[in-house]
Amino acid sequence: MEIEKFKDNLKKNDASDIYKRFILGSDVWFFRKDGIKINEHYVIYDEFKVYLSKNLGIHTNDIAIVGSAKLGFSLAPDKDYRAFSETSDIDIVIVSSDIFRKSWTAFIELHKKNYLRGYKEVCSSVFRRFVSLKEPDTRNIFFDEWSRKVEPCKKDIQTLFSIPNEINYRIYESWESVETYHCMGLIEMKKKLERKNEKDN
């Protein structure tokens, strides 16, 4: 999707509509960026989710690609629609209250042992009901088990789906948490567009 078209939609619609239409949809920019036909790239995305579902023990309906790989540009308010690049992560949402709670407990255990890195970032994430498991500390048993699941997937993801980028797994407590997080960002972006429009006029 072109950035200007997205901005136009954001101006005209509320954040919840944009979230449902563009973030939850099955159209993933990364899988069609090389000119793959629409029907084909939908199939690839489905196969990708089935692969992760099988290897991580997560239902396919609880897995989604978001971020710049989804649209071709970032929706982070501080990144100003930055385009997806070779150094960008593939951001994957996994909705699992069980993994979220176990991750939270694992962070607490690391904190008790003075092992926890990025305390403020972890606290901020948990407060918003998600955890990022891009580089979990394997000194904790649960995080070690998680790493043993995702590490073998890296080579397959590269070869089967042509994804050389790093994968950032973000575990949410619920789909409501996913919507709340993304809508907050969309509301901030919408306000920026409104302020710019007022300034230009």
Foldseek 3Di string as FASTA:
>chain_A
DDPVVLLVVLLVDALLVSCVPQFVDLQFCLQCVVPDDPVVSSVLSQVVLVVCCVLVVADSSQKGWGACRRPQFGLQLVRVRHGDDQADAGEMEGEDLVLLVVVVVQQVVCVVVVNHDPVVVQVVQVVLAKGKLQPDDCVGPVNVVVCVRCVVCQVVCCPVVVRPYRYIYMYGHHVVSVSVVSSVSSVSNNVVVVVVVVVVD
